[in-house]
Amino acid sequence: MQLILFYDGTCPLCVAEMGELSQLDTRQKLTLIDIHTEDFARQYPDINKESASAILHGYLTEDDKPRRLLLGLDVTCAAWDLVGKKRWLKILRWPVVRWFADWAYMRFANNRYLISYLLTGKSRCQNGNCRID
């Protein structure tokens, strides 16, 4: 199983999470794509940049199955599962919990720059983009 994860490279918290995932991805199960790269629209014409900025997008591929579009916390849970960490996140996909978790995720996504500022002291990365270290 593989996951292509489309993230906001201008969001400090998003980039920090992608950096952590990248370091833990010892089996190369993840491909992390910044939606703000120059050739994003050409490489991924089926992913709308504005939609991917509003809610995390990802393509999950399994051996003989066509790739499947995941959104929001489904992407997050799949990514952490593929690196073998934070398995407790599966709780967020339980039927009753899912509704509340998705509601909270959308509040976070819509306010991620303010939340980034409150937690890191910067709302956006310098020069418009961050690097994954």
Protein backbone atom coordinates (compact mmCIF):
# COMPACT_ATOMS: atom_id res chain seq x y z
CA MET A 1 0.00 0.00 0.00
CA GLN A 2 1.22 3.51 -0.87
CA LEU A 3 -0.08 6.99 -0.10
CA ILE A 4 0.44 10.19 -2.05
CA LEU A 5 -0.26 13.00 0.40
CA PHE A 6 -0.93 16.55 -0.82
CA TYR A 7 -0.10 19.13 1.87
CA ASP A 8 0.08 22.90 2.33
CA GLY A 9 3.77 23.83 2.23
CA THR A 10 3.04 27.32 3.55
CA CYS A 11 1.62 26.06 6.86
CA PRO A 12 4.24 25.59 9.61
CA LEU A 13 2.23 22.92 11.44
CA CYS A 14 1.51 21.03 8.22
CA VAL A 15 5.18 21.05 7.23
CA ALA A 16 6.21 19.93 10.72
CA GLU A 17 3.87 16.93 10.50
CA MET A 18 5.13 16.07 7.01
CA GLY A 19 8.70 16.25 8.32
CA GLU A 20 7.88 13.84 11.11
CA LEU A 21 6.10 11.48 8.73
CA SER A 22 9.01 11.66 6.30
CA GLN A 23 11.53 10.72 8.99
CA LEU A 24 9.40 7.76 10.11
CA ASP A 25 8.71 6.51 6.57
CA THR A 26 11.52 3.96 6.53
CA ARG A 27 9.65 1.69 4.11
CA GLN A 28 8.98 4.50 1.60
CA LYS A 29 5.20 4.14 1.73
CA LEU A 30 4.53 7.89 1.48
CA THR A 31 4.99 10.43 -1.28
CA LEU A 32 4.62 13.96 0.11
CA ILE A 33 3.62 16.63 -2.39
CA ASP A 34 3.47 20.34 -1.59
CA ILE A 35 0.43 21.79 -3.38
CA HIS A 36 2.34 25.07 -3.84
CA THR A 37 5.11 23.67 -6.05
CA GLU A 38 5.42 25.32 -9.46
CA ASP A 39 4.36 22.35 -11.57
CA PHE A 40 1.70 20.98 -9.20
CA ALA A 41 -1.23 21.58 -11.62
CA ARG A 42 0.64 19.93 -14.47
CA GLN A 43 1.71 16.89 -12.43
CA TYR A 44 -1.63 16.42 -10.65
CA PRO A 45 -4.35 17.94 -12.88
CA ASP A 46 -7.03 15.88 -11.13
CA ILE A 47 -6.31 17.52 -7.74
CA ASN A 48 -7.81 20.99 -7.34
CA LYS A 49 -5.28 23.13 -5.47
CA GLU A 50 -7.96 25.20 -3.69
CA SER A 51 -9.79 22.08 -2.53
CA ALA A 52 -6.53 20.50 -1.40
CA SER A 53 -5.77 23.68 0.54
CA ALA A 54 -9.14 23.56 2.28
CA ILE A 55 -8.95 19.87 3.22
CA LEU A 56 -6.04 17.45 3.13
CA HIS A 57 -6.10 15.21 0.05
CA GLY A 58 -4.38 11.90 -0.57
CA TYR A 59 -4.35 9.01 -3.01
CA LEU A 60 -4.19 5.56 -1.48
CA THR A 61 -2.97 2.84 -3.81
CA GLU A 62 -3.16 -0.86 -3.18
CA ASP A 63 -1.69 -3.60 -5.33
CA ASP A 64 -4.41 -4.53 -7.82
CA LYS A 65 -6.92 -1.79 -6.96
CA PRO A 66 -7.31 1.64 -8.56
CA ARG A 67 -6.09 4.51 -6.42
CA ARG A 68 -8.64 5.89 -4.00
CA LEU A 69 -9.03 9.54 -3.02
CA LEU A 70 -8.95 10.12 0.73
CA LEU A 71 -9.79 13.42 2.44
CA GLY A 72 -9.07 15.05 5.80
CA LEU A 73 -8.56 12.74 8.74
CA ASP A 74 -8.80 9.68 6.49
CA VAL A 75 -5.50 10.84 4.93
CA THR A 76 -3.94 11.56 8.31
CA CYS A 77 -4.94 8.19 9.74
CA ALA A 78 -3.71 6.32 6.65
CA ALA A 79 -0.35 8.14 6.69
CA TRP A 80 0.36 7.44 10.36
CA ASP A 81 -0.78 3.84 9.95
CA LEU A 82 1.62 3.34 7.02
CA VAL A 83 4.57 4.54 9.11
CA GLY A 84 3.45 2.36 12.03
CA LYS A 85 2.83 5.17 14.52
CA LYS A 86 -0.08 6.85 16.28
CA ARG A 87 -2.33 3.84 15.77
CA TRP A 88 -4.76 5.36 18.30
CA LEU A 89 -5.87 7.73 15.50
CA LYS A 90 -8.08 4.91 14.18
CA ILE A 91 -10.48 5.83 16.99
CA LEU A 92 -11.20 9.02 15.04
CA ARG A 93 -12.74 6.91 12.27
CA TRP A 94 -15.23 5.10 14.50
CA PRO A 95 -18.79 5.96 13.38
CA VAL A 96 -19.92 8.18 16.26
CA VAL A 97 -16.50 9.72 16.91
CA ARG A 98 -15.96 10.34 13.17
CA TRP A 99 -18.56 13.12 12.94
CA PHE A 100 -17.06 15.08 15.85
CA ALA A 101 -13.48 14.45 14.72
CA ASP A 102 -14.25 15.61 11.17
CA TRP A 103 -15.98 18.72 12.51
CA ALA A 104 -12.95 19.52 14.69
CA TYR A 105 -10.56 18.82 11.80
CA MET A 106 -12.39 21.29 9.55
CA ARG A 107 -12.20 23.96 12.27
CA PHE A 108 -8.46 23.31 12.50
CA ALA A 109 -7.99 23.32 8.70
CA ASN A 110 -9.90 26.58 8.32
CA ASN A 111 -7.84 28.23 11.06
CA ARG A 112 -4.47 26.51 10.63
CA TYR A 113 -2.52 29.72 10.01
CA LEU A 114 -3.83 31.33 13.21
CA ILE A 115 -3.24 28.10 15.16
CA SER A 116 0.28 27.90 13.68
CA TYR A 117 0.93 31.45 14.83
CA LEU A 118 -0.32 30.71 18.34
CA LEU A 119 1.80 27.55 18.62
CA THR A 120 4.93 28.45 16.69
CA GLY A 121 5.00 32.24 16.52
CA LYS A 122 4.64 32.26 12.73
CA SER A 123 1.48 31.91 10.71
CA ARG A 124 3.17 31.17 7.41
CA CYS A 125 6.58 29.95 6.47
CA GLN A 126 9.23 32.45 5.43
CA ASN A 127 9.23 33.27 1.72
CA GLY A 128 5.89 31.50 1.38
CA ASN A 129 7.19 27.97 1.81
CA CYS A 130 8.73 25.74 4.41
CA ARG A 131 11.19 22.97 3.93
CA ILE A 132 10.82 19.46 5.24
CA ASP A 133 14.02 18.77 7.15
